[in-house]
Amino acid sequence: MTNANREKYLEKVKHLRLIDDIFFNICFDDNIKCMNLLLRIILNNRNISVIKVTTQKTMPNLYGRGVRFDVLATDGKQFFECEVQRSDEGANPRRTRFHVSMIDSREVAKGTKFKELPEIYVIFITENDVWGNGLPLYHVKKTIAENGKSFDDGTHAVYVNGAYRDDSDIGKLMHDFFCEDPDDMYFEDLKNTAKIFKGTEGGRNTMCNAIEDLVVAERAESEAKGRAEGRAEGKKETRIESIKNIMRNFNVTAEKAMQALEIPADERAIYLPLILN
C-alpha cells in the first residue's frame, strides 16, 4: 500500500458508518457483545445470547448462484443473518427467500428431521424506509390466505427502517448506525468498537487493508468484465463478417444467412441493423 493510498483510505475511514457494509462487517466480526445488542433490540428479546458471529461468510452453490452474508450468527439453536442495505433494491423480498434456502442447505446437518429445522431470522437494516409507512420495524409473517392463521415454517424476515429516529432503543440504534464520530453514539459497545477501528493505529490499519482489498477485488472484477465484453464484441464482429460473406457468395438475404449460421432467432435483431449499415 502506497503512502498516497493510505492517506486516501484514512480519509474514507473517517466518514464510514455502520450502515456501510465494509465498516459493519469489520466491527461485527466475532463481536458477540455488539451482535447480542443488535439482535436483542431488533427482535425485542433480551434472552438472545449468540455464541458465534462471522462476517462476509461465503456460501458457494454447486448448482447455481452462491451467496455472501454480511453477518451470520447463531446461538446454537437458531440462525440470525443480518444485512445492511444502502440501496432499496438490495432489500428485494425474494432475496430473503434465497438467503434462507442457502442457510438451510449449508448449515443444517444431514439427516435432520423437518420438525427439528432451526428458526432462521433474516434481518435487513435499510438506509431508507423501503416500505414507506414510517414504522421502525417491519416483521414479515406467513399466513394461510383463507383463514388468516399463521403458517409457521420457522423462517422470519425483519426489515429495519434506518431512517427512523426517536428515544426508543431502536431509534437510538439507528442513530448510531449513521454516526461518523463514535463519540456521538448512544450504545457503549458500538461506540467502543467503532473507536478501535477509527481511533487506534491497529484499527485504522485493519480498515485501510480492508478498503485496499475491496479496491483490488473491484478492479479485478471490472477488468474481467471488460475482457468478457471484449470477447463478446469480437465474436459479434466475426459473426457479422460471416453473415456478409454468406450473403455475398450465395446471394441470399441476411435472414437466410443467419439461419445457415444457426444464429438463435432472438439474437438476429441485434445483427440485422449492423449488417445493413
Protein backbone atom coordinates (compact mmCIF):
# COMPACT_ATOMS: atom_id res chain seq x y z
CA MET A 1 0.00 0.00 0.00
CA THR A 2 1.48 3.33 -1.03
CA ASN A 3 1.55 6.30 1.35
CA ALA A 4 -0.76 8.19 -1.01
CA ASN A 5 -3.30 5.37 -0.98
CA ARG A 6 -3.06 5.04 2.78
CA GLU A 7 -3.84 8.73 3.25
CA LYS A 8 -6.77 8.42 0.86
CA TYR A 9 -8.10 5.37 2.70
CA LEU A 10 -7.69 7.02 6.12
CA GLU A 11 -9.87 9.87 4.91
CA LYS A 12 -12.52 7.34 3.84
CA VAL A 13 -12.34 5.66 7.27
CA LYS A 14 -13.26 8.96 8.96
CA HIS A 15 -16.58 9.02 7.13
CA LEU A 16 -17.52 5.34 7.39
CA ARG A 17 -20.64 4.41 9.37
CA LEU A 18 -22.14 1.11 10.46
CA ILE A 19 -24.69 1.36 7.64
CA ASP A 20 -21.70 1.00 5.27
CA ASP A 21 -21.18 -2.71 4.82
CA ILE A 22 -17.36 -2.65 4.97
CA PHE A 23 -17.43 -0.95 8.40
CA PHE A 24 -20.37 -3.06 9.61
CA ASN A 25 -18.53 -6.24 8.66
CA ILE A 26 -15.28 -5.24 10.36
CA CYS A 27 -16.96 -4.01 13.56
CA PHE A 28 -19.20 -7.05 13.97
CA ASP A 29 -16.73 -9.78 13.03
CA ASP A 30 -16.57 -12.19 16.01
CA ASN A 31 -18.13 -9.42 18.13
CA ILE A 32 -20.62 -11.22 20.34
CA LYS A 33 -21.39 -8.19 22.52
CA CYS A 34 -22.43 -5.99 19.60
CA MET A 35 -24.35 -8.80 17.94
CA ASN A 36 -26.31 -9.53 21.10
CA LEU A 37 -27.09 -5.83 21.46
CA LEU A 38 -28.31 -5.64 17.87
CA LEU A 39 -30.48 -8.75 17.99
CA ARG A 40 -31.95 -8.08 21.43
CA ILE A 41 -33.16 -4.65 20.33
CA ILE A 42 -34.42 -5.59 16.86
CA LEU A 43 -36.10 -8.83 17.94
CA ASN A 44 -37.20 -7.43 21.32
CA ASN A 45 -35.79 -10.44 23.10
CA ARG A 46 -33.35 -9.83 25.95
CA ASN A 47 -32.64 -13.56 26.27
CA ILE A 48 -30.81 -13.92 22.97
CA SER A 49 -27.23 -14.99 23.58
CA VAL A 50 -25.23 -15.80 20.46
CA ILE A 51 -22.15 -18.00 20.65
CA LYS A 52 -20.67 -17.40 17.19
CA VAL A 53 -20.54 -14.46 14.80
CA THR A 54 -18.92 -14.48 11.37
CA THR A 55 -18.90 -11.80 8.69
CA GLN A 56 -18.59 -11.93 4.90
CA LYS A 57 -19.22 -15.66 5.03
CA THR A 58 -19.39 -17.03 1.51
CA MET A 59 -21.65 -19.99 0.77
CA PRO A 60 -20.92 -21.47 -2.66
CA ASN A 61 -23.59 -23.34 -4.57
CA LEU A 62 -22.58 -26.17 -6.92
CA TYR A 63 -25.87 -25.91 -8.82
CA GLY A 64 -26.30 -22.17 -9.16
CA ARG A 65 -25.81 -18.83 -7.50
CA GLY A 66 -23.86 -18.60 -4.25
CA VAL A 67 -24.25 -16.00 -1.52
CA ARG A 68 -22.07 -13.92 0.78
CA PHE A 69 -23.63 -12.85 4.05
CA ASP A 70 -22.75 -9.61 5.83
CA VAL A 71 -23.12 -11.15 9.30
CA LEU A 72 -24.22 -14.65 10.25
CA ALA A 73 -24.67 -15.58 13.91
CA THR A 74 -26.04 -18.47 15.90
CA ASP A 75 -26.97 -19.18 19.50
CA GLY A 76 -26.55 -22.89 18.87
CA LYS A 77 -30.23 -23.42 18.06
CA GLN A 78 -31.22 -20.50 15.83
CA PHE A 79 -29.52 -18.63 12.99
CA PHE A 80 -29.52 -14.86 12.59
CA GLU A 81 -28.43 -13.29 9.32
CA CYS A 82 -28.05 -9.50 9.19
CA GLU A 83 -27.51 -7.35 6.12
CA VAL A 84 -27.03 -3.61 5.80
CA GLN A 85 -28.52 -2.19 2.61
CA ARG A 86 -27.79 1.27 1.25
CA SER A 87 -29.80 0.52 -1.88
CA ASP A 88 -33.57 -0.12 -1.72
CA GLU A 89 -33.16 -2.69 -4.48
CA GLY A 90 -30.95 -4.79 -2.20
CA ALA A 91 -33.92 -5.43 0.10
CA ASN A 92 -35.90 -7.34 -2.52
CA PRO A 93 -38.22 -9.84 -0.74
CA ARG A 94 -37.01 -12.71 -2.92
CA ARG A 95 -33.51 -12.14 -1.62
CA THR A 96 -34.83 -13.20 1.79
CA ARG A 97 -36.11 -16.44 0.30
CA PHE A 98 -32.75 -17.16 -1.29
CA HIS A 99 -30.76 -16.43 1.86
CA VAL A 100 -32.97 -18.70 3.97
CA SER A 101 -32.60 -21.54 1.46
CA MET A 102 -28.80 -21.20 1.50
CA ILE A 103 -28.64 -21.26 5.30
CA ASP A 104 -30.83 -24.36 5.37
CA SER A 105 -28.80 -26.15 2.73
CA ARG A 106 -25.37 -25.32 4.17
CA GLU A 107 -25.85 -25.12 7.94
CA VAL A 108 -28.39 -27.84 8.71
CA ALA A 109 -26.84 -31.23 9.42
CA LYS A 110 -27.59 -34.16 7.14
CA GLY A 111 -30.40 -36.32 8.45
CA THR A 112 -32.06 -33.52 10.43
CA LYS A 113 -35.80 -34.08 10.67
CA PHE A 114 -38.03 -31.36 9.26
CA LYS A 115 -39.56 -30.62 12.64
CA GLU A 116 -36.04 -30.05 14.01
CA LEU A 117 -35.02 -27.45 11.43
CA PRO A 118 -33.75 -24.32 13.21
CA GLU A 119 -35.50 -20.98 13.38
CA ILE A 120 -33.90 -18.61 10.86
CA TYR A 121 -34.08 -14.83 11.09
CA VAL A 122 -33.08 -12.70 8.11
CA ILE A 123 -32.72 -9.04 9.08
CA PHE A 124 -32.28 -6.20 6.60
CA ILE A 125 -31.17 -2.85 8.01
CA THR A 126 -32.00 -0.42 5.21
CA GLU A 127 -30.84 3.16 4.78
CA ASN A 128 -34.33 4.25 3.76
CA ASP A 129 -37.85 3.33 4.77
CA VAL A 130 -38.32 0.83 1.93
CA TRP A 131 -41.95 0.06 2.87
CA GLY A 132 -42.90 3.70 3.29
CA ASN A 133 -45.09 3.57 6.39
CA GLY A 134 -42.79 5.37 8.83
CA LEU A 135 -42.52 2.36 11.12
CA PRO A 136 -39.26 1.42 12.85
CA LEU A 137 -39.63 -2.29 12.07
CA TYR A 138 -41.49 -4.42 9.56
CA HIS A 139 -41.96 -8.07 10.57
CA VAL A 140 -42.95 -10.34 7.72
CA LYS A 141 -45.15 -13.29 8.70
CA LYS A 142 -46.66 -16.01 6.53
CA THR A 143 -50.35 -16.74 6.85
CA ILE A 144 -52.93 -19.03 5.27
CA ALA A 145 -54.93 -16.85 2.88
CA GLU A 146 -58.30 -18.47 3.54
CA ASN A 147 -58.38 -18.17 7.32
CA GLY A 148 -55.57 -15.78 8.27
CA LYS A 149 -53.94 -18.36 10.55
CA SER A 150 -50.18 -18.39 10.94
CA PHE A 151 -48.14 -20.62 8.63
CA ASP A 152 -45.12 -21.25 10.81
CA ASP A 153 -42.24 -22.67 8.77
CA GLY A 154 -39.60 -21.37 11.19
CA THR A 155 -38.39 -18.53 8.96
CA HIS A 156 -38.63 -14.86 9.86
CA ALA A 157 -37.87 -11.70 7.90
CA VAL A 158 -37.44 -8.33 9.57
CA TYR A 159 -36.83 -5.02 7.82
CA VAL A 160 -35.35 -2.25 9.97
CA ASN A 161 -36.05 1.31 8.89
CA GLY A 162 -32.67 3.01 9.09
CA ALA A 163 -34.28 6.43 8.74
CA TYR A 164 -36.26 6.01 11.98
CA ARG A 165 -35.33 8.21 14.93
CA ASP A 166 -36.82 8.60 18.39
CA ASP A 167 -35.82 7.97 22.03
CA SER A 168 -36.58 4.24 21.91
CA ASP A 169 -33.79 1.67 21.73
CA ILE A 170 -34.43 1.04 18.03
CA GLY A 171 -34.43 4.78 17.30
CA LYS A 172 -31.13 5.20 19.14
CA LEU A 173 -29.68 2.11 17.45
CA MET A 174 -30.45 3.51 14.00
CA HIS A 175 -28.97 6.84 15.06
CA ASP A 176 -25.74 5.03 15.98
CA PHE A 177 -25.67 3.24 12.62
CA PHE A 178 -25.41 6.61 10.87
CA CYS A 179 -22.74 8.21 13.10
CA GLU A 180 -19.35 9.03 11.61
CA ASP A 181 -17.99 10.06 15.02
CA PRO A 182 -18.12 7.25 17.62
CA ASP A 183 -18.46 9.82 20.41
CA ASP A 184 -21.91 10.67 19.05
CA MET A 185 -23.18 7.11 19.60
CA TYR A 186 -25.57 6.11 22.39
CA PHE A 187 -24.56 2.47 22.93
CA GLU A 188 -21.20 1.89 24.61
CA ASP A 189 -20.47 -1.46 22.91
CA LEU A 190 -20.92 0.10 19.46
CA LYS A 191 -19.05 3.25 20.48
CA ASN A 192 -16.05 1.35 21.85
CA THR A 193 -15.85 -0.91 18.81
CA ALA A 194 -16.07 1.98 16.35
CA LYS A 195 -13.36 3.85 18.28
CA ILE A 196 -10.97 0.92 17.85
CA PHE A 197 -11.24 0.97 14.07
CA LYS A 198 -11.33 4.74 13.72
CA GLY A 199 -9.08 5.87 16.56
CA THR A 200 -6.27 3.34 17.04
CA GLU A 201 -3.32 2.65 14.77
CA GLY A 202 -4.06 -1.08 14.60
CA GLY A 203 -7.73 -0.48 13.88
CA ARG A 204 -7.03 2.06 11.17
CA ASN A 205 -4.54 -0.35 9.59
CA THR A 206 -7.21 -3.03 9.54
CA MET A 207 -9.66 -0.68 7.86
CA CYS A 208 -7.10 0.54 5.29
CA ASN A 209 -6.22 -3.05 4.39
CA ALA A 210 -9.89 -3.94 4.05
CA ILE A 211 -10.52 -0.96 1.77
CA GLU A 212 -7.50 -1.80 -0.37
CA ASP A 213 -8.65 -5.44 -0.66
CA LEU A 214 -12.05 -4.17 -1.79
CA VAL A 215 -10.50 -1.81 -4.34
CA VAL A 216 -8.30 -4.61 -5.73
CA ALA A 217 -11.27 -7.00 -5.93
CA GLU A 218 -13.45 -4.41 -7.67
CA ARG A 219 -10.66 -3.61 -10.14
CA ALA A 220 -10.19 -7.32 -10.91
CA GLU A 221 -13.93 -7.74 -11.41
CA SER A 222 -14.05 -4.71 -13.70
CA GLU A 223 -11.11 -6.00 -15.75
CA ALA A 224 -12.68 -9.46 -16.03
CA LYS A 225 -15.94 -7.87 -17.16
CA GLY A 226 -14.04 -5.80 -19.71
CA ARG A 227 -12.30 -8.90 -21.09
CA ALA A 228 -15.61 -10.75 -21.31
CA GLU A 229 -17.21 -7.81 -23.11
CA GLY A 230 -14.23 -7.67 -25.46
CA ARG A 231 -14.59 -11.36 -26.29
CA ALA A 232 -18.31 -10.88 -26.88
CA GLU A 233 -17.65 -7.91 -29.17
CA GLY A 234 -15.05 -9.91 -31.08
CA LYS A 235 -17.49 -12.78 -31.51
CA LYS A 236 -20.13 -10.34 -32.76
CA GLU A 237 -17.78 -8.85 -35.34
CA THR A 238 -16.78 -12.32 -36.57
CA ARG A 239 -20.43 -13.29 -36.93
CA ILE A 240 -21.25 -10.13 -38.86
CA GLU A 241 -18.41 -10.85 -41.31
CA SER A 242 -19.59 -14.44 -41.71
CA ILE A 243 -23.17 -13.32 -42.41
CA LYS A 244 -21.98 -10.84 -45.02
CA ASN A 245 -19.78 -13.49 -46.70
CA ILE A 246 -22.70 -15.92 -46.99
CA MET A 247 -24.98 -13.19 -48.33
CA ARG A 248 -22.40 -12.19 -50.97
CA ASN A 249 -21.24 -15.66 -52.00
CA PHE A 250 -24.66 -17.32 -52.12
CA ASN A 251 -26.77 -14.29 -52.99
CA VAL A 252 -29.17 -14.80 -50.08
CA THR A 253 -30.88 -12.47 -47.62
CA ALA A 254 -29.49 -11.65 -44.19
CA GLU A 255 -32.22 -13.78 -42.62
CA LYS A 256 -31.22 -16.81 -44.72
CA ALA A 257 -27.55 -16.28 -43.88
CA MET A 258 -28.31 -16.15 -40.16
CA GLN A 259 -30.39 -19.31 -40.45
CA ALA A 260 -27.46 -21.05 -42.15
CA LEU A 261 -25.18 -20.00 -39.30
CA GLU A 262 -27.78 -21.24 -36.77
CA ILE A 263 -27.90 -17.88 -35.03
CA PRO A 264 -30.76 -18.01 -32.48
CA ALA A 265 -33.89 -16.20 -33.63
CA ASP A 266 -33.92 -13.91 -30.58
CA GLU A 267 -30.40 -12.66 -31.43
CA ARG A 268 -30.98 -11.88 -35.12
CA ALA A 269 -32.49 -8.46 -34.45
CA ILE A 270 -29.15 -7.46 -32.91
CA TYR A 271 -27.20 -8.26 -36.09
CA LEU A 272 -29.62 -7.06 -38.76
CA PRO A 273 -29.01 -3.28 -38.44
CA LEU A 274 -25.25 -3.87 -38.16
CA ILE A 275 -25.23 -5.91 -41.38
CA LEU A 276 -27.22 -3.38 -43.36
CA ASN A 277 -25.11 -0.37 -42.32
